[in-house]
């Protein structure tokens, strides 16, 4: 340094001191800029974190609402399924009963038809008997049916 400056050691030390002072100021200035940038970045990140927390809160609330709705729908579905099963069971029972009643009705109808035929035959027989009674002596003693 001394050779380059060409002056006494006192001058060199004072210029060295001012150079150190300038370096220190530049270093502090750069550090202050970095701190300001870090503060700005922190503020930005803090806003992002708050926005994400708000979004998370909203999403959590939606999730809980959806969960509650899904549970309610599941209960309604189970209730509907139980009602459907009960109705199906009732339907099968009604079909069985209708089949049984239909069979009984067919039997009753056929029995009535047979009874009607028997009644008609009996009426015819009685009519012949009455006709024979009021008719000739020859028909009176005749045995047919």
C-alpha atoms as a PDB file:
ATOM      1  CA  UNK A   1       0.000   0.000   0.000  1.00  0.00           C
ATOM      2  CA  UNK A   2       2.626   2.486   0.969  1.00  0.00           C
ATOM      3  CA  UNK A   3       4.518   2.171  -2.269  1.00  0.00           C
ATOM      4  CA  UNK A   4       1.399   2.546  -4.310  1.00  0.00           C
ATOM      5  CA  UNK A   5       0.297   5.621  -2.456  1.00  0.00           C
ATOM      6  CA  UNK A   6       3.760   7.053  -2.199  1.00  0.00           C
ATOM      7  CA  UNK A   7       3.113   8.746   1.135  1.00  0.00           C
ATOM      8  CA  UNK A   8       3.700   8.261   4.781  1.00  0.00           C
ATOM      9  CA  UNK A   9       2.344   5.439   6.889  1.00  0.00           C
ATOM     10  CA  UNK A  10      -0.115   7.827   8.521  1.00  0.00           C
ATOM     11  CA  UNK A  11      -1.812   8.613   5.241  1.00  0.00           C
ATOM     12  CA  UNK A  12      -1.976   4.950   4.381  1.00  0.00           C
ATOM     13  CA  UNK A  13      -3.668   4.128   7.606  1.00  0.00           C
ATOM     14  CA  UNK A  14      -6.242   6.892   7.245  1.00  0.00           C
ATOM     15  CA  UNK A  15      -7.082   5.826   3.712  1.00  0.00           C
ATOM     16  CA  UNK A  16      -7.206   2.243   4.876  1.00  0.00           C
ATOM     17  CA  UNK A  17      -9.621   3.249   7.584  1.00  0.00           C
ATOM     18  CA  UNK A  18     -11.881   5.051   5.160  1.00  0.00           C
ATOM     19  CA  UNK A  19     -11.697   2.138   2.735  1.00  0.00           C
ATOM     20  CA  UNK A  20     -12.669  -0.225   5.546  1.00  0.00           C
ATOM     21  CA  UNK A  21     -15.446   2.182   6.497  1.00  0.00           C
ATOM     22  CA  UNK A  22     -16.742   2.240   2.893  1.00  0.00           C
ATOM     23  CA  UNK A  23     -16.563  -1.536   2.705  1.00  0.00           C
ATOM     24  CA  UNK A  24     -18.396  -1.827   5.991  1.00  0.00           C
ATOM     25  CA  UNK A  25     -21.054   0.628   4.848  1.00  0.00           C
ATOM     26  CA  UNK A  26     -21.412  -1.226   1.539  1.00  0.00           C
ATOM     27  CA  UNK A  27     -21.615  -4.493   3.409  1.00  0.00           C
ATOM     28  CA  UNK A  28     -24.217  -3.071   5.783  1.00  0.00           C
ATOM     29  CA  UNK A  29     -26.143  -1.597   2.875  1.00  0.00           C
ATOM     30  CA  UNK A  30     -26.145  -4.939   1.071  1.00  0.00           C
ATOM     31  CA  UNK A  31     -27.117  -6.657   4.296  1.00  0.00           C
ATOM     32  CA  UNK A  32     -29.936  -4.141   4.836  1.00  0.00           C
ATOM     33  CA  UNK A  33     -31.142  -4.767   1.282  1.00  0.00           C
ATOM     34  CA  UNK A  34     -31.043  -8.492   1.906  1.00  0.00           C
ATOM     35  CA  UNK A  35     -32.945  -8.020   5.170  1.00  0.00           C
ATOM     36  CA  UNK A  36     -35.546  -5.861   3.408  1.00  0.00           C
ATOM     37  CA  UNK A  37     -35.878  -8.498   0.690  1.00  0.00           C
ATOM     38  CA  UNK A  38     -36.159 -11.214   3.355  1.00  0.00           C
ATOM     39  CA  UNK A  39     -38.860  -9.182   5.165  1.00  0.00           C
ATOM     40  CA  UNK A  40     -40.758  -8.692   1.909  1.00  0.00           C
ATOM     41  CA  UNK A  41     -40.437 -12.418   1.139  1.00  0.00           C
ATOM     42  CA  UNK A  42     -41.575 -13.265   4.685  1.00  0.00           C
ATOM     43  CA  UNK A  43     -44.593 -10.979   4.332  1.00  0.00           C
ATOM     44  CA  UNK A  44     -45.448 -12.590   0.980  1.00  0.00           C
ATOM     45  CA  UNK A  45     -45.055 -16.071   2.400  1.00  0.00           C
ATOM     46  CA  UNK A  46     -47.079 -15.097   5.457  1.00  0.00           C
ATOM     47  CA  UNK A  47     -49.936 -13.930   3.214  1.00  0.00           C
ATOM     48  CA  UNK A  48     -49.691 -17.177   1.246  1.00  0.00           C
ATOM     49  CA  UNK A  49     -49.774 -19.206   4.473  1.00  0.00           C
ATOM     50  CA  UNK A  50     -52.847 -17.271   5.678  1.00  0.00           C
ATOM     51  CA  UNK A  51     -54.540 -17.786   2.313  1.00  0.00           C
ATOM     52  CA  UNK A  52     -53.711 -21.505   2.419  1.00  0.00           C
ATOM     53  CA  UNK A  53     -54.986 -21.735   6.002  1.00  0.00           C
ATOM     54  CA  UNK A  54     -58.236 -20.053   4.964  1.00  0.00           C
ATOM     55  CA  UNK A  55     -58.515 -22.386   1.998  1.00  0.00           C
ATOM     56  CA  UNK A  56     -57.790 -25.363   4.261  1.00  0.00           C
ATOM     57  CA  UNK A  57     -60.473 -24.204   6.700  1.00  0.00           C
ATOM     58  CA  UNK A  58     -63.000 -23.880   3.896  1.00  0.00           C
ATOM     59  CA  UNK A  59     -61.992 -27.237   2.427  1.00  0.00           C
ATOM     60  CA  UNK A  60     -62.234 -28.888   5.848  1.00  0.00           C
ATOM     61  CA  UNK A  61     -65.690 -27.414   6.375  1.00  0.00           C
ATOM     62  CA  UNK A  62     -66.775 -28.646   2.937  1.00  0.00           C
ATOM     63  CA  UNK A  63     -65.329 -32.064   3.713  1.00  0.00           C
ATOM     64  CA  UNK A  64     -67.261 -32.282   6.972  1.00  0.00           C
ATOM     65  CA  UNK A  65     -70.455 -31.137   5.260  1.00  0.00           C
ATOM     66  CA  UNK A  66     -69.945 -33.694   2.507  1.00  0.00           C
ATOM     67  CA  UNK A  67     -69.232 -36.382   5.091  1.00  0.00           C
ATOM     68  CA  UNK A  68     -72.421 -35.529   6.987  1.00  0.00           C
ATOM     69  CA  UNK A  69     -74.413 -35.529   3.756  1.00  0.00           C
ATOM     70  CA  UNK A  70     -72.910 -38.879   2.732  1.00  0.00           C
ATOM     71  CA  UNK A  71     -73.834 -40.375   6.108  1.00  0.00           C
ATOM     72  CA  UNK A  72     -77.379 -38.995   5.836  1.00  0.00           C
ATOM     73  CA  UNK A  73     -77.726 -40.390   2.317  1.00  0.00           C
ATOM     74  CA  UNK A  74     -76.341 -43.736   3.481  1.00  0.00           C
ATOM     75  CA  UNK A  75     -78.964 -43.865   6.251  1.00  0.00           C
ATOM     76  CA  UNK A  76     -81.705 -42.959   3.784  1.00  0.00           C
ATOM     77  CA  UNK A  77     -80.417 -45.593   1.358  1.00  0.00           C
ATOM     78  CA  UNK A  78     -80.421 -48.255   4.094  1.00  0.00           C
ATOM     79  CA  UNK A  79     -83.937 -47.228   5.126  1.00  0.00           C
ATOM     80  CA  UNK A  80     -85.089 -47.378   1.495  1.00  0.00           C
ATOM     81  CA  UNK A  81     -83.407 -50.775   1.073  1.00  0.00           C
ATOM     82  CA  UNK A  82     -85.160 -52.099   4.186  1.00  0.00           C
ATOM     83  CA  UNK A  83     -88.503 -50.768   2.941  1.00  0.00           C
ATOM     84  CA  UNK A  84     -87.866 -52.312  -0.469  1.00  0.00           C
ATOM     85  CA  UNK A  85     -86.994 -55.668   1.104  1.00  0.00           C
ATOM     86  CA  UNK A  86     -90.120 -55.538   3.270  1.00  0.00           C
ATOM     87  CA  UNK A  87     -92.269 -54.637   0.268  1.00  0.00           C
ATOM     88  CA  UNK A  88     -90.715 -57.440  -1.770  1.00  0.00           C
ATOM     89  CA  UNK A  89     -91.432 -59.886   1.050  1.00  0.00           C
ATOM     90  CA  UNK A  90     -95.026 -58.620   1.267  1.00  0.00           C
ATOM     91  CA  UNK A  91     -95.360 -58.908  -2.510  1.00  0.00           C
ATOM     92  CA  UNK A  92     -94.169 -62.525  -2.498  1.00  0.00           C
ATOM     93  CA  UNK A  93     -96.542 -63.333   0.334  1.00  0.00           C
ATOM     94  CA  UNK A  94     -99.419 -61.621  -1.508  1.00  0.00           C
ATOM     95  CA  UNK A  95     -98.565 -63.548  -4.698  1.00  0.00           C
ATOM     96  CA  UNK A  96     -98.563 -66.832  -2.785  1.00  0.00           C
ATOM     97  CA  UNK A  97    -101.851 -65.948  -1.142  1.00  0.00           C
ATOM     98  CA  UNK A  98    -103.341 -64.859  -4.491  1.00  0.00           C
ATOM     99  CA  UNK A  99    -102.224 -68.167  -6.039  1.00  0.00           C
ATOM    100  CA  UNK A 100    -103.777 -70.116  -3.192  1.00  0.00           C
ATOM    101  CA  UNK A 101    -107.005 -68.118  -3.384  1.00  0.00           C
ATOM    102  CA  UNK A 102    -107.082 -68.547  -7.175  1.00  0.00           C
ATOM    103  CA  UNK A 103    -106.685 -72.303  -6.743  1.00  0.00           C
ATOM    104  CA  UNK A 104    -109.478 -72.367  -4.164  1.00  0.00           C
ATOM    105  CA  UNK A 105    -111.682 -70.243  -6.454  1.00  0.00           C
ATOM    106  CA  UNK A 106    -111.082 -72.649  -9.384  1.00  0.00           C
ATOM    107  CA  UNK A 107    -111.948 -75.586  -7.155  1.00  0.00           C
ATOM    108  CA  UNK A 108    -115.101 -73.817  -5.967  1.00  0.00           C
ATOM    109  CA  UNK A 109    -116.085 -72.988  -9.539  1.00  0.00           C
ATOM    110  CA  UNK A 110    -115.584 -76.578 -10.693  1.00  0.00           C
ATOM    111  CA  UNK A 111    -117.475 -77.832  -7.653  1.00  0.00           C
ATOM    112  CA  UNK A 112    -120.351 -75.438  -8.464  1.00  0.00           C
ATOM    113  CA  UNK A 113    -120.357 -76.641 -12.071  1.00  0.00           C
ATOM    114  CA  UNK A 114    -120.544 -80.263 -10.908  1.00  0.00           C
ATOM    115  CA  UNK A 115    -123.278 -79.402  -8.422  1.00  0.00           C
ATOM    116  CA  UNK A 116    -125.170 -77.556 -11.163  1.00  0.00           C
ATOM    117  CA  UNK A 117    -124.918 -80.557 -13.470  1.00  0.00           C
ATOM    118  CA  UNK A 118    -126.092 -82.829 -10.674  1.00  0.00           C
ATOM    119  CA  UNK A 119    -128.925 -80.454  -9.855  1.00  0.00           C
ATOM    120  CA  UNK A 120    -130.000 -80.234 -13.492  1.00  0.00           C
ATOM    121  CA  UNK A 121    -129.925 -84.038 -13.739  1.00  0.00           C
ATOM    122  CA  UNK A 122    -131.940 -84.296 -10.538  1.00  0.00           C
ATOM    123  CA  UNK A 123    -134.484 -81.750 -11.765  1.00  0.00           C
ATOM    124  CA  UNK A 124    -134.829 -83.643 -15.055  1.00  0.00           C
ATOM    125  CA  UNK A 125    -135.291 -86.864 -13.153  1.00  0.00           C
ATOM    126  CA  UNK A 126    -137.923 -85.283 -10.928  1.00  0.00           C
ATOM    127  CA  UNK A 127    -139.674 -83.800 -13.953  1.00  0.00           C
ATOM    128  CA  UNK A 128    -139.768 -87.218 -15.612  1.00  0.00           C
ATOM    129  CA  UNK A 129    -141.075 -88.712 -12.406  1.00  0.00           C
ATOM    130  CA  UNK A 130    -143.831 -86.124 -12.237  1.00  0.00           C
ATOM    131  CA  UNK A 131    -144.648 -86.669 -15.914  1.00  0.00           C
ATOM    132  CA  UNK A 132    -144.769 -90.409 -15.367  1.00  0.00           C
ATOM    133  CA  UNK A 133    -147.013 -90.050 -12.360  1.00  0.00           C
ATOM    134  CA  UNK A 134    -149.532 -88.027 -14.165  1.00  0.00           C
ATOM    135  CA  UNK A 135    -149.242 -90.088 -17.314  1.00  0.00           C
ATOM    136  CA  UNK A 136    -150.310 -93.600 -18.250  1.00  0.00           C
ATOM    137  CA  UNK A 137    -150.152 -96.731 -16.104  1.00  0.00           C
ATOM    138  CA  UNK A 138    -147.481 -98.212 -18.284  1.00  0.00           C
ATOM    139  CA  UNK A 139    -145.036 -95.345 -17.584  1.00  0.00           C
ATOM    140  CA  UNK A 140    -145.903 -95.318 -13.907  1.00  0.00           C
ATOM    141  CA  UNK A 141    -144.374 -98.731 -13.118  1.00  0.00           C
ATOM    142  CA  UNK A 142    -141.343 -98.292 -15.305  1.00  0.00           C
ATOM    143  CA  UNK A 143    -137.931 -97.953 -13.644  1.00  0.00           C
ATOM    144  CA  UNK A 144    -135.369 -96.059 -15.662  1.00  0.00           C
ATOM    145  CA  UNK A 145    -132.870 -94.284 -13.636  1.00  0.00           C
END
